[in-house]
C-alpha atoms as a PDB file:
ATOM      1  CA  UNK A   1       0.000   0.000   0.000  1.00  0.00           C
ATOM      2  CA  UNK A   2       1.224   3.469  -0.802  1.00  0.00           C
ATOM      3  CA  UNK A   3       1.949   5.774   2.094  1.00  0.00           C
ATOM      4  CA  UNK A   4       1.783   9.534   1.818  1.00  0.00           C
ATOM      5  CA  UNK A   5       3.549  11.873   4.217  1.00  0.00           C
ATOM      6  CA  UNK A   6       2.908  15.584   4.136  1.00  0.00           C
ATOM      7  CA  UNK A   7       4.683  18.380   5.936  1.00  0.00           C
ATOM      8  CA  UNK A   8       5.086  22.084   5.495  1.00  0.00           C
ATOM      9  CA  UNK A   9       8.462  23.757   5.820  1.00  0.00           C
ATOM     10  CA  UNK A  10       9.085  27.481   5.706  1.00  0.00           C
ATOM     11  CA  UNK A  11      12.016  29.203   4.051  1.00  0.00           C
ATOM     12  CA  UNK A  12      12.029  32.915   4.861  1.00  0.00           C
ATOM     13  CA  UNK A  13       8.525  34.157   4.015  1.00  0.00           C
ATOM     14  CA  UNK A  14       7.636  31.533   1.412  1.00  0.00           C
ATOM     15  CA  UNK A  15       5.518  28.530   2.314  1.00  0.00           C
ATOM     16  CA  UNK A  16       6.784  25.388   0.612  1.00  0.00           C
ATOM     17  CA  UNK A  17       4.866  22.148   0.429  1.00  0.00           C
ATOM     18  CA  UNK A  18       6.860  18.935   0.482  1.00  0.00           C
ATOM     19  CA  UNK A  19       5.076  15.762  -0.571  1.00  0.00           C
ATOM     20  CA  UNK A  20       6.655  12.330  -0.280  1.00  0.00           C
ATOM     21  CA  UNK A  21       5.426   9.222  -2.084  1.00  0.00           C
ATOM     22  CA  UNK A  22       6.768   5.702  -1.678  1.00  0.00           C
ATOM     23  CA  UNK A  23       5.891   2.192  -2.786  1.00  0.00           C
ATOM     24  CA  UNK A  24       7.421   0.603   0.298  1.00  0.00           C
ATOM     25  CA  UNK A  25       9.568   1.642   3.209  1.00  0.00           C
ATOM     26  CA  UNK A  26      12.831   0.358   1.712  1.00  0.00           C
ATOM     27  CA  UNK A  27      12.615   2.445  -1.452  1.00  0.00           C
ATOM     28  CA  UNK A  28      13.546   6.069  -1.952  1.00  0.00           C
ATOM     29  CA  UNK A  29      10.609   8.428  -1.749  1.00  0.00           C
ATOM     30  CA  UNK A  30       9.564  11.053  -4.253  1.00  0.00           C
ATOM     31  CA  UNK A  31       9.435  14.579  -2.844  1.00  0.00           C
ATOM     32  CA  UNK A  32       8.399  17.852  -4.408  1.00  0.00           C
ATOM     33  CA  UNK A  33       8.767  21.478  -3.385  1.00  0.00           C
ATOM     34  CA  UNK A  34       7.893  24.867  -4.912  1.00  0.00           C
ATOM     35  CA  UNK A  35       9.596  28.254  -4.415  1.00  0.00           C
ATOM     36  CA  UNK A  36       7.727  31.434  -5.226  1.00  0.00           C
ATOM     37  CA  UNK A  37       8.961  34.705  -6.765  1.00  0.00           C
ATOM     38  CA  UNK A  38      12.595  33.853  -7.458  1.00  0.00           C
ATOM     39  CA  UNK A  39      13.453  35.173 -10.935  1.00  0.00           C
ATOM     40  CA  UNK A  40       9.787  36.252 -11.148  1.00  0.00           C
ATOM     41  CA  UNK A  41       8.584  32.703 -11.618  1.00  0.00           C
ATOM     42  CA  UNK A  42       7.678  29.522  -9.774  1.00  0.00           C
ATOM     43  CA  UNK A  43      10.541  27.098  -9.248  1.00  0.00           C
ATOM     44  CA  UNK A  44       9.728  23.434  -8.681  1.00  0.00           C
ATOM     45  CA  UNK A  45      12.201  20.851  -7.382  1.00  0.00           C
ATOM     46  CA  UNK A  46      11.425  17.129  -7.556  1.00  0.00           C
ATOM     47  CA  UNK A  47      13.737  14.500  -6.156  1.00  0.00           C
ATOM     48  CA  UNK A  48      14.082  10.952  -4.887  1.00  0.00           C
ATOM     49  CA  UNK A  49      15.757  10.610  -1.493  1.00  0.00           C
ATOM     50  CA  UNK A  50      15.801   8.257   1.484  1.00  0.00           C
ATOM     51  CA  UNK A  51      14.028  10.681   3.789  1.00  0.00           C
ATOM     52  CA  UNK A  52      12.071  13.903   3.951  1.00  0.00           C
ATOM     53  CA  UNK A  53      14.831  15.381   6.100  1.00  0.00           C
ATOM     54  CA  UNK A  54      17.409  14.730   3.366  1.00  0.00           C
ATOM     55  CA  UNK A  55      15.187  16.269   0.706  1.00  0.00           C
ATOM     56  CA  UNK A  56      14.497  19.320   2.870  1.00  0.00           C
ATOM     57  CA  UNK A  57      18.229  19.827   3.309  1.00  0.00           C
ATOM     58  CA  UNK A  58      18.767  19.566  -0.450  1.00  0.00           C
ATOM     59  CA  UNK A  59      15.876  21.882  -1.312  1.00  0.00           C
ATOM     60  CA  UNK A  60      17.065  24.469   1.215  1.00  0.00           C
ATOM     61  CA  UNK A  61      20.485  24.510  -0.471  1.00  0.00           C
ATOM     62  CA  UNK A  62      18.855  25.015  -3.871  1.00  0.00           C
ATOM     63  CA  UNK A  63      16.537  27.733  -2.587  1.00  0.00           C
ATOM     64  CA  UNK A  64      19.151  29.731  -0.693  1.00  0.00           C
ATOM     65  CA  UNK A  65      21.556  29.769  -3.622  1.00  0.00           C
ATOM     66  CA  UNK A  66      18.891  30.587  -6.211  1.00  0.00           C
ATOM     67  CA  UNK A  67      17.751  33.434  -3.963  1.00  0.00           C
ATOM     68  CA  UNK A  68      21.303  34.776  -3.787  1.00  0.00           C
ATOM     69  CA  UNK A  69      21.641  34.690  -7.585  1.00  0.00           C
ATOM     70  CA  UNK A  70      18.216  36.302  -8.006  1.00  0.00           C
ATOM     71  CA  UNK A  71      19.219  39.241  -5.819  1.00  0.00           C
ATOM     72  CA  UNK A  72      22.661  39.639  -7.391  1.00  0.00           C
ATOM     73  CA  UNK A  73      21.240  39.697 -10.924  1.00  0.00           C
ATOM     74  CA  UNK A  74      18.225  41.914 -10.171  1.00  0.00           C
ATOM     75  CA  UNK A  75      18.093  45.114 -12.255  1.00  0.00           C
ATOM     76  CA  UNK A  76      15.132  46.674 -10.430  1.00  0.00           C
ATOM     77  CA  UNK A  77      15.718  46.316  -6.675  1.00  0.00           C
ATOM     78  CA  UNK A  78      18.353  47.070  -4.041  1.00  0.00           C
ATOM     79  CA  UNK A  79      19.235  44.574  -1.305  1.00  0.00           C
ATOM     80  CA  UNK A  80      21.863  46.413   0.709  1.00  0.00           C
ATOM     81  CA  UNK A  81      24.775  45.198  -1.431  1.00  0.00           C
ATOM     82  CA  UNK A  82      26.062  45.838  -4.933  1.00  0.00           C
ATOM     83  CA  UNK A  83      24.186  44.017  -7.694  1.00  0.00           C
ATOM     84  CA  UNK A  84      23.401  44.512 -11.392  1.00  0.00           C
ATOM     85  CA  UNK A  85      21.151  47.474 -10.530  1.00  0.00           C
ATOM     86  CA  UNK A  86      24.088  49.137  -8.742  1.00  0.00           C
ATOM     87  CA  UNK A  87      26.226  48.758 -11.857  1.00  0.00           C
ATOM     88  CA  UNK A  88      23.495  50.405 -13.939  1.00  0.00           C
ATOM     89  CA  UNK A  89      23.067  53.209 -11.406  1.00  0.00           C
ATOM     90  CA  UNK A  90      26.812  53.952 -11.615  1.00  0.00           C
ATOM     91  CA  UNK A  91      27.030  53.894 -15.427  1.00  0.00           C
ATOM     92  CA  UNK A  92      29.541  56.490 -16.594  1.00  0.00           C
ATOM     93  CA  UNK A  93      30.334  57.390 -12.975  1.00  0.00           C
ATOM     94  CA  UNK A  94      32.659  54.785 -11.487  1.00  0.00           C
ATOM     95  CA  UNK A  95      33.511  51.068 -11.405  1.00  0.00           C
ATOM     96  CA  UNK A  96      31.445  49.000  -8.980  1.00  0.00           C
ATOM     97  CA  UNK A  97      32.993  46.274  -6.851  1.00  0.00           C
ATOM     98  CA  UNK A  98      30.758  43.222  -7.088  1.00  0.00           C
ATOM     99  CA  UNK A  99      30.436  39.610  -6.048  1.00  0.00           C
ATOM    100  CA  UNK A 100      32.415  37.181  -8.197  1.00  0.00           C
ATOM    101  CA  UNK A 101      29.139  35.586  -9.293  1.00  0.00           C
ATOM    102  CA  UNK A 102      28.304  38.776 -11.188  1.00  0.00           C
ATOM    103  CA  UNK A 103      31.738  38.856 -12.814  1.00  0.00           C
ATOM    104  CA  UNK A 104      31.328  35.247 -13.925  1.00  0.00           C
ATOM    105  CA  UNK A 105      27.856  35.894 -15.364  1.00  0.00           C
ATOM    106  CA  UNK A 106      29.076  38.873 -17.388  1.00  0.00           C
ATOM    107  CA  UNK A 107      32.106  36.963 -18.687  1.00  0.00           C
ATOM    108  CA  UNK A 108      29.742  34.186 -19.728  1.00  0.00           C
ATOM    109  CA  UNK A 109      27.434  36.763 -21.343  1.00  0.00           C
ATOM    110  CA  UNK A 110      30.290  38.153 -23.435  1.00  0.00           C
ATOM    111  CA  UNK A 111      31.143  34.630 -24.544  1.00  0.00           C
ATOM    112  CA  UNK A 112      27.487  34.035 -25.437  1.00  0.00           C
ATOM    113  CA  UNK A 113      27.453  37.280 -27.426  1.00  0.00           C
ATOM    114  CA  UNK A 114      30.309  36.014 -29.583  1.00  0.00           C
ATOM    115  CA  UNK A 115      28.908  32.479 -29.877  1.00  0.00           C
ATOM    116  CA  UNK A 116      25.506  33.735 -31.079  1.00  0.00           C
ATOM    117  CA  UNK A 117      26.867  36.435 -33.400  1.00  0.00           C
ATOM    118  CA  UNK A 118      25.358  39.170 -31.269  1.00  0.00           C
ATOM    119  CA  UNK A 119      21.888  37.615 -30.943  1.00  0.00           C
ATOM    120  CA  UNK A 120      22.379  37.705 -27.156  1.00  0.00           C
ATOM    121  CA  UNK A 121      23.475  41.083 -25.818  1.00  0.00           C
ATOM    122  CA  UNK A 122      23.138  41.843 -22.099  1.00  0.00           C
ATOM    123  CA  UNK A 123      24.151  45.450 -22.835  1.00  0.00           C
ATOM    124  CA  UNK A 124      20.775  46.103 -24.504  1.00  0.00           C
ATOM    125  CA  UNK A 125      19.209  47.475 -21.348  1.00  0.00           C
ATOM    126  CA  UNK A 126      18.557  50.895 -22.886  1.00  0.00           C
ATOM    127  CA  UNK A 127      16.393  49.322 -25.611  1.00  0.00           C
ATOM    128  CA  UNK A 128      14.754  46.711 -23.409  1.00  0.00           C
ATOM    129  CA  UNK A 129      13.769  49.258 -20.769  1.00  0.00           C
ATOM    130  CA  UNK A 130      11.766  51.161 -23.400  1.00  0.00           C
ATOM    131  CA  UNK A 131       9.963  47.983 -24.436  1.00  0.00           C
ATOM    132  CA  UNK A 132       9.363  47.118 -20.785  1.00  0.00           C
ATOM    133  CA  UNK A 133       7.734  50.509 -20.191  1.00  0.00           C
ATOM    134  CA  UNK A 134       5.410  50.193 -23.192  1.00  0.00           C
ATOM    135  CA  UNK A 135       4.598  46.532 -22.486  1.00  0.00           C
ATOM    136  CA  UNK A 136       3.747  47.284 -18.854  1.00  0.00           C
ATOM    137  CA  UNK A 137       1.500  50.196 -19.840  1.00  0.00           C
ATOM    138  CA  UNK A 138      -0.204  48.175 -22.576  1.00  0.00           C
ATOM    139  CA  UNK A 139      -0.772  45.223 -20.277  1.00  0.00           C
ATOM    140  CA  UNK A 140      -2.316  47.361 -17.540  1.00  0.00           C
ATOM    141  CA  UNK A 141      -4.507  49.283 -19.973  1.00  0.00           C
ATOM    142  CA  UNK A 142      -4.960  47.478 -23.333  1.00  0.00           C
ATOM    143  CA  UNK A 143      -7.015  50.389 -24.672  1.00  0.00           C
ATOM    144  CA  UNK A 144      -3.921  52.599 -24.796  1.00  0.00           C
ATOM    145  CA  UNK A 145      -1.428  49.909 -25.855  1.00  0.00           C
ATOM    146  CA  UNK A 146       1.067  51.223 -28.400  1.00  0.00           C
ATOM    147  CA  UNK A 147       4.511  50.504 -29.808  1.00  0.00           C
ATOM    148  CA  UNK A 148       7.596  52.526 -28.904  1.00  0.00           C
ATOM    149  CA  UNK A 149       8.669  55.052 -31.564  1.00  0.00           C
ATOM    150  CA  UNK A 150      11.443  53.569 -33.682  1.00  0.00           C
ATOM    151  CA  UNK A 151      13.402  56.811 -33.304  1.00  0.00           C
ATOM    152  CA  UNK A 152      13.549  56.247 -29.531  1.00  0.00           C
ATOM    153  CA  UNK A 153      14.648  52.630 -29.985  1.00  0.00           C
ATOM    154  CA  UNK A 154      17.291  53.600 -32.539  1.00  0.00           C
ATOM    155  CA  UNK A 155      18.735  56.224 -30.212  1.00  0.00           C
ATOM    156  CA  UNK A 156      18.827  53.745 -27.327  1.00  0.00           C
ATOM    157  CA  UNK A 157      20.525  51.178 -29.575  1.00  0.00           C
ATOM    158  CA  UNK A 158      23.483  53.543 -29.897  1.00  0.00           C
ATOM    159  CA  UNK A 159      24.175  52.831 -26.221  1.00  0.00           C
ATOM    160  CA  UNK A 160      24.256  49.031 -26.322  1.00  0.00           C
ATOM    161  CA  UNK A 161      27.876  48.299 -27.155  1.00  0.00           C
ATOM    162  CA  UNK A 162      28.915  45.304 -25.060  1.00  0.00           C
ATOM    163  CA  UNK A 163      32.540  46.424 -25.400  1.00  0.00           C
ATOM    164  CA  UNK A 164      31.657  49.297 -23.074  1.00  0.00           C
ATOM    165  CA  UNK A 165      31.098  46.787 -20.282  1.00  0.00           C
ATOM    166  CA  UNK A 166      34.523  46.953 -18.633  1.00  0.00           C
ATOM    167  CA  UNK A 167      35.255  43.972 -16.385  1.00  0.00           C
ATOM    168  CA  UNK A 168      38.263  43.984 -14.084  1.00  0.00           C
ATOM    169  CA  UNK A 169      38.592  40.432 -12.792  1.00  0.00           C
ATOM    170  CA  UNK A 170      41.550  41.243 -10.549  1.00  0.00           C
ATOM    171  CA  UNK A 171      39.691  44.002  -8.679  1.00  0.00           C
ATOM    172  CA  UNK A 172      36.279  42.324  -9.153  1.00  0.00           C
ATOM    173  CA  UNK A 173      34.753  45.493 -10.594  1.00  0.00           C
ATOM    174  CA  UNK A 174      32.390  46.291 -13.452  1.00  0.00           C
ATOM    175  CA  UNK A 175      32.174  49.671 -15.139  1.00  0.00           C
ATOM    176  CA  UNK A 176      29.774  50.835 -17.835  1.00  0.00           C
ATOM    177  CA  UNK A 177      31.800  53.457 -19.678  1.00  0.00           C
ATOM    178  CA  UNK A 178      28.745  54.822 -21.536  1.00  0.00           C
ATOM    179  CA  UNK A 179      26.582  56.773 -19.043  1.00  0.00           C
ATOM    180  CA  UNK A 180      23.438  56.103 -21.099  1.00  0.00           C
ATOM    181  CA  UNK A 181      23.813  52.326 -21.224  1.00  0.00           C
ATOM    182  CA  UNK A 182      22.482  49.698 -18.841  1.00  0.00           C
ATOM    183  CA  UNK A 183      22.604  45.947 -18.396  1.00  0.00           C
ATOM    184  CA  UNK A 184      19.647  43.607 -18.746  1.00  0.00           C
ATOM    185  CA  UNK A 185      20.680  40.006 -18.090  1.00  0.00           C
ATOM    186  CA  UNK A 186      17.217  38.490 -18.506  1.00  0.00           C
ATOM    187  CA  UNK A 187      18.218  36.420 -21.528  1.00  0.00           C
ATOM    188  CA  UNK A 188      20.819  34.424 -19.609  1.00  0.00           C
ATOM    189  CA  UNK A 189      20.591  35.014 -15.858  1.00  0.00           C
ATOM    190  CA  UNK A 190      17.999  32.421 -14.869  1.00  0.00           C
ATOM    191  CA  UNK A 191      19.493  29.597 -16.909  1.00  0.00           C
ATOM    192  CA  UNK A 192      22.996  30.465 -15.748  1.00  0.00           C
ATOM    193  CA  UNK A 193      21.892  30.604 -12.099  1.00  0.00           C
ATOM    194  CA  UNK A 194      20.095  27.265 -12.368  1.00  0.00           C
ATOM    195  CA  UNK A 195      23.243  25.680 -13.799  1.00  0.00           C
ATOM    196  CA  UNK A 196      25.457  27.083 -11.054  1.00  0.00           C
ATOM    197  CA  UNK A 197      23.045  25.886  -8.369  1.00  0.00           C
ATOM    198  CA  UNK A 198      22.772  22.454  -9.987  1.00  0.00           C
ATOM    199  CA  UNK A 199      26.556  22.137  -9.869  1.00  0.00           C
ATOM    200  CA  UNK A 200      26.581  23.116  -6.199  1.00  0.00           C
ATOM    201  CA  UNK A 201      23.879  20.531  -5.559  1.00  0.00           C
ATOM    202  CA  UNK A 202      25.888  17.830  -7.293  1.00  0.00           C
ATOM    203  CA  UNK A 203      29.006  18.768  -5.332  1.00  0.00           C
ATOM    204  CA  UNK A 204      27.033  18.397  -2.119  1.00  0.00           C
ATOM    205  CA  UNK A 205      26.165  14.824  -3.074  1.00  0.00           C
ATOM    206  CA  UNK A 206      22.715  15.472  -4.500  1.00  0.00           C
ATOM    207  CA  UNK A 207      21.453  13.229  -7.298  1.00  0.00           C
ATOM    208  CA  UNK A 208      18.141  12.097  -8.790  1.00  0.00           C
ATOM    209  CA  UNK A 209      16.777  15.657  -8.719  1.00  0.00           C
ATOM    210  CA  UNK A 210      15.186  17.879 -11.336  1.00  0.00           C
ATOM    211  CA  UNK A 211      14.862  21.676 -11.090  1.00  0.00           C
ATOM    212  CA  UNK A 212      12.267  23.553 -13.141  1.00  0.00           C
ATOM    213  CA  UNK A 213      12.592  27.330 -12.833  1.00  0.00           C
ATOM    214  CA  UNK A 214       9.735  28.602 -14.965  1.00  0.00           C
ATOM    215  CA  UNK A 215      10.696  26.607 -18.057  1.00  0.00           C
ATOM    216  CA  UNK A 216      14.421  26.362 -17.328  1.00  0.00           C
ATOM    217  CA  UNK A 217      14.715  22.658 -16.551  1.00  0.00           C
ATOM    218  CA  UNK A 218      17.895  21.023 -15.272  1.00  0.00           C
ATOM    219  CA  UNK A 219      18.053  17.316 -14.428  1.00  0.00           C
ATOM    220  CA  UNK A 220      20.705  16.101 -11.987  1.00  0.00           C
ATOM    221  CA  UNK A 221      21.076  12.437 -12.836  1.00  0.00           C
ATOM    222  CA  UNK A 222      18.006  10.346 -13.582  1.00  0.00           C
ATOM    223  CA  UNK A 223      15.208   9.219 -11.247  1.00  0.00           C
ATOM    224  CA  UNK A 224      17.403   6.554  -9.633  1.00  0.00           C
ATOM    225  CA  UNK A 225      16.819   2.941  -8.589  1.00  0.00           C
ATOM    226  CA  UNK A 226      16.094   1.754 -12.151  1.00  0.00           C
ATOM    227  CA  UNK A 227      13.167   4.162 -12.489  1.00  0.00           C
ATOM    228  CA  UNK A 228      14.655   5.501 -15.699  1.00  0.00           C
ATOM    229  CA  UNK A 229      15.078   9.002 -17.081  1.00  0.00           C
ATOM    230  CA  UNK A 230      13.054  12.093 -16.348  1.00  0.00           C
ATOM    231  CA  UNK A 231      10.197  12.879 -18.722  1.00  0.00           C
ATOM    232  CA  UNK A 232       9.954  16.545 -19.714  1.00  0.00           C
ATOM    233  CA  UNK A 233       7.576  18.168 -22.165  1.00  0.00           C
ATOM    234  CA  UNK A 234       7.650  20.936 -24.736  1.00  0.00           C
ATOM    235  CA  UNK A 235       4.673  23.035 -23.714  1.00  0.00           C
ATOM    236  CA  UNK A 236       1.822  23.677 -26.099  1.00  0.00           C
ATOM    237  CA  UNK A 237       1.676  27.462 -26.676  1.00  0.00           C
ATOM    238  CA  UNK A 238      -2.099  27.203 -27.131  1.00  0.00           C
ATOM    239  CA  UNK A 239      -3.358  27.576 -23.559  1.00  0.00           C
ATOM    240  CA  UNK A 240      -6.907  26.633 -24.554  1.00  0.00           C
ATOM    241  CA  UNK A 241      -5.861  23.251 -25.929  1.00  0.00           C
ATOM    242  CA  UNK A 242      -6.395  20.087 -23.879  1.00  0.00           C
ATOM    243  CA  UNK A 243      -2.995  18.933 -25.120  1.00  0.00           C
ATOM    244  CA  UNK A 244      -0.562  20.293 -22.531  1.00  0.00           C
ATOM    245  CA  UNK A 245       2.635  19.191 -24.298  1.00  0.00           C
ATOM    246  CA  UNK A 246       3.459  18.895 -27.979  1.00  0.00           C
ATOM    247  CA  UNK A 247       6.247  16.366 -27.464  1.00  0.00           C
ATOM    248  CA  UNK A 248       7.737  14.467 -24.522  1.00  0.00           C
ATOM    249  CA  UNK A 249      11.467  13.928 -24.077  1.00  0.00           C
ATOM    250  CA  UNK A 250      13.389  11.432 -21.940  1.00  0.00           C
ATOM    251  CA  UNK A 251      16.419  13.063 -20.283  1.00  0.00           C
ATOM    252  CA  UNK A 252      19.073  12.600 -17.607  1.00  0.00           C
ATOM    253  CA  UNK A 253      21.860  15.029 -16.671  1.00  0.00           C
ATOM    254  CA  UNK A 254      20.493  17.505 -19.222  1.00  0.00           C
ATOM    255  CA  UNK A 255      19.036  20.988 -19.390  1.00  0.00           C
ATOM    256  CA  UNK A 256      15.893  21.839 -21.317  1.00  0.00           C
ATOM    257  CA  UNK A 257      15.176  25.549 -21.811  1.00  0.00           C
ATOM    258  CA  UNK A 258      12.321  27.189 -23.708  1.00  0.00           C
ATOM    259  CA  UNK A 259      11.972  30.731 -25.028  1.00  0.00           C
ATOM    260  CA  UNK A 260       8.520  31.657 -26.257  1.00  0.00           C
ATOM    261  CA  UNK A 261       6.131  34.450 -27.137  1.00  0.00           C
ATOM    262  CA  UNK A 262       3.076  33.032 -25.361  1.00  0.00           C
ATOM    263  CA  UNK A 263       3.737  33.968 -21.719  1.00  0.00           C
ATOM    264  CA  UNK A 264       5.047  37.533 -21.618  1.00  0.00           C
ATOM    265  CA  UNK A 265       3.556  39.772 -24.293  1.00  0.00           C
ATOM    266  CA  UNK A 266       1.131  42.579 -24.989  1.00  0.00           C
ATOM    267  CA  UNK A 267      -1.269  43.221 -27.860  1.00  0.00           C
ATOM    268  CA  UNK A 268      -1.360  46.289 -30.078  1.00  0.00           C
ATOM    269  CA  UNK A 269      -4.039  46.565 -32.787  1.00  0.00           C
ATOM    270  CA  UNK A 270      -4.690  42.834 -32.573  1.00  0.00           C
ATOM    271  CA  UNK A 271      -1.018  41.846 -32.966  1.00  0.00           C
ATOM    272  CA  UNK A 272       0.851  40.067 -30.176  1.00  0.00           C
ATOM    273  CA  UNK A 273       4.309  41.417 -29.352  1.00  0.00           C
ATOM    274  CA  UNK A 274       6.537  39.259 -27.144  1.00  0.00           C
ATOM    275  CA  UNK A 275       9.186  40.312 -24.624  1.00  0.00           C
ATOM    276  CA  UNK A 276      12.052  38.843 -26.700  1.00  0.00           C
ATOM    277  CA  UNK A 277      13.617  41.652 -28.718  1.00  0.00           C
ATOM    278  CA  UNK A 278      15.743  41.027 -31.788  1.00  0.00           C
ATOM    279  CA  UNK A 279      18.948  43.123 -31.511  1.00  0.00           C
ATOM    280  CA  UNK A 280      19.008  43.547 -35.288  1.00  0.00           C
ATOM    281  CA  UNK A 281      15.474  44.880 -35.790  1.00  0.00           C
ATOM    282  CA  UNK A 282      14.909  46.261 -32.256  1.00  0.00           C
ATOM    283  CA  UNK A 283      11.464  44.659 -32.517  1.00  0.00           C
ATOM    284  CA  UNK A 284      10.023  41.523 -30.889  1.00  0.00           C
ATOM    285  CA  UNK A 285      10.982  38.429 -32.844  1.00  0.00           C
ATOM    286  CA  UNK A 286       8.022  36.742 -34.546  1.00  0.00           C
ATOM    287  CA  UNK A 287       9.442  33.718 -36.349  1.00  0.00           C
ATOM    288  CA  UNK A 288       8.046  31.094 -33.940  1.00  0.00           C
ATOM    289  CA  UNK A 289       5.739  30.401 -31.027  1.00  0.00           C
ATOM    290  CA  UNK A 290       8.654  28.950 -29.075  1.00  0.00           C
ATOM    291  CA  UNK A 291      12.117  27.431 -29.327  1.00  0.00           C
ATOM    292  CA  UNK A 292      13.284  24.732 -26.919  1.00  0.00           C
ATOM    293  CA  UNK A 293      16.945  23.856 -26.522  1.00  0.00           C
ATOM    294  CA  UNK A 294      18.310  20.618 -25.080  1.00  0.00           C
ATOM    295  CA  UNK A 295      21.870  21.044 -23.810  1.00  0.00           C
ATOM    296  CA  UNK A 296      24.370  19.867 -21.240  1.00  0.00           C
ATOM    297  CA  UNK A 297      24.401  23.283 -19.553  1.00  0.00           C
ATOM    298  CA  UNK A 298      21.341  25.317 -18.519  1.00  0.00           C
ATOM    299  CA  UNK A 299      23.158  28.625 -19.023  1.00  0.00           C
ATOM    300  CA  UNK A 300      23.976  27.805 -22.614  1.00  0.00           C
ATOM    301  CA  UNK A 301      20.490  26.385 -23.068  1.00  0.00           C
ATOM    302  CA  UNK A 302      19.017  29.723 -21.993  1.00  0.00           C
ATOM    303  CA  UNK A 303      21.357  31.717 -24.231  1.00  0.00           C
ATOM    304  CA  UNK A 304      20.817  29.544 -27.299  1.00  0.00           C
ATOM    305  CA  UNK A 305      17.031  29.323 -26.889  1.00  0.00           C
ATOM    306  CA  UNK A 306      16.790  33.131 -26.930  1.00  0.00           C
ATOM    307  CA  UNK A 307      19.267  33.465 -29.785  1.00  0.00           C
ATOM    308  CA  UNK A 308      17.454  30.866 -31.898  1.00  0.00           C
ATOM    309  CA  UNK A 309      14.131  32.568 -31.211  1.00  0.00           C
ATOM    310  CA  UNK A 310      15.593  35.684 -32.835  1.00  0.00           C
ATOM    311  CA  UNK A 311      16.917  33.816 -35.903  1.00  0.00           C
ATOM    312  CA  UNK A 312      15.094  32.550 -39.004  1.00  0.00           C
ATOM    313  CA  UNK A 313      14.737  28.765 -38.875  1.00  0.00           C
ATOM    314  CA  UNK A 314      17.341  27.925 -41.511  1.00  0.00           C
ATOM    315  CA  UNK A 315      19.931  30.137 -39.852  1.00  0.00           C
ATOM    316  CA  UNK A 316      19.197  28.734 -36.404  1.00  0.00           C
ATOM    317  CA  UNK A 317      19.251  25.134 -37.595  1.00  0.00           C
ATOM    318  CA  UNK A 318      22.632  25.665 -39.241  1.00  0.00           C
ATOM    319  CA  UNK A 319      23.979  27.018 -35.946  1.00  0.00           C
ATOM    320  CA  UNK A 320      22.619  24.141 -33.849  1.00  0.00           C
ATOM    321  CA  UNK A 321      23.941  21.463 -36.180  1.00  0.00           C
ATOM    322  CA  UNK A 322      27.538  22.565 -35.579  1.00  0.00           C
ATOM    323  CA  UNK A 323      27.166  22.808 -31.796  1.00  0.00           C
ATOM    324  CA  UNK A 324      28.253  19.757 -29.858  1.00  0.00           C
ATOM    325  CA  UNK A 325      25.684  18.464 -27.364  1.00  0.00           C
ATOM    326  CA  UNK A 326      22.989  20.967 -28.353  1.00  0.00           C
ATOM    327  CA  UNK A 327      19.626  20.122 -29.946  1.00  0.00           C
ATOM    328  CA  UNK A 328      16.576  22.276 -30.613  1.00  0.00           C
ATOM    329  CA  UNK A 329      12.848  22.094 -31.264  1.00  0.00           C
ATOM    330  CA  UNK A 330      11.072  24.924 -33.070  1.00  0.00           C
ATOM    331  CA  UNK A 331       7.319  25.394 -32.627  1.00  0.00           C
ATOM    332  CA  UNK A 332       5.653  27.320 -35.429  1.00  0.00           C
ATOM    333  CA  UNK A 333       2.071  28.508 -35.548  1.00  0.00           C
ATOM    334  CA  UNK A 334      -0.545  25.756 -35.959  1.00  0.00           C
ATOM    335  CA  UNK A 335       1.666  23.484 -33.802  1.00  0.00           C
ATOM    336  CA  UNK A 336       4.074  22.673 -36.637  1.00  0.00           C
ATOM    337  CA  UNK A 337       7.323  21.320 -35.210  1.00  0.00           C
ATOM    338  CA  UNK A 338      10.829  21.226 -36.613  1.00  0.00           C
ATOM    339  CA  UNK A 339      13.722  19.365 -34.990  1.00  0.00           C
ATOM    340  CA  UNK A 340      17.479  19.405 -35.152  1.00  0.00           C
ATOM    341  CA  UNK A 341      18.978  16.090 -36.223  1.00  0.00           C
ATOM    342  CA  UNK A 342      19.669  14.678 -32.753  1.00  0.00           C
ATOM    343  CA  UNK A 343      16.287  15.263 -31.123  1.00  0.00           C
ATOM    344  CA  UNK A 344      14.824  11.926 -32.227  1.00  0.00           C
ATOM    345  CA  UNK A 345      17.058  10.071 -29.756  1.00  0.00           C
ATOM    346  CA  UNK A 346      15.292  11.817 -26.845  1.00  0.00           C
ATOM    347  CA  UNK A 347      11.658  11.639 -27.960  1.00  0.00           C
ATOM    348  CA  UNK A 348       9.447   9.520 -25.733  1.00  0.00           C
ATOM    349  CA  UNK A 349       6.423   7.953 -27.377  1.00  0.00           C
END
């Protein structure tokens, strides 16, 4: 007979429900926990452990570290220490001494910029802040929803040179040499943070765990004890459909990251405009409903999913096919799917 144990643990101000399921007392139990608000999304952790106490210890480690990354990478709020917002506030004024985790993210972001031919640019804050303002206004009051003037976007784009992000690794400082520029790390921060936390979890001895931070999925091992791989789905962008997932994948020790236009958007004159802005056009990309990337590393999965969302299919497919350990699934309108050549090995019927 199955036994179900339920308990509630509290981490800071967030209530987290832990549910354990077991087939018999000698087997590992399945536990699940949810964190609210980190990276403006719901994070779910599922794992198989010998006890609820062990899972609680693991989930606390994941939560505390994700919270630290969330606060370090925040561009809107202060927390009593230097973070990305501090760097933006000091643009053109002075270098800001920051935590090494910010230095590492920005070094990774520069590498991603080169690897995606500029399709990922964390120095685009000046452009993205304009879109954020118009999207927020249009979401709150659809009757007045409008697009930003292209002249404003073009002027802001003159202040998005990633070479003006000056990183001093020896002094652990970051300086934006253009006073009108700002950082927006939304395209990479969550995936990068999930990867760093997953590595910490593995180093602490954690296995048979999967982290899902609002579509950024990272599996640590498989489900253990001959239960097989984790099953993850590519979400159906059509929220009204009874079909929740368009395809199911079987994964272990992998990251699955999706970028899409169906969650964060606003509508102007009947046209949906997503939050993902193409650096070339300065407009929301509209090639696909979503792009999902399967990769070894969640940070790279996040970067590539956003980059591919901004690229025409043929261009994106050509990029993926030369990347080792990276696969992609493109979802077009009317649920049409296209796959890179290695996806078939992961599809679960």
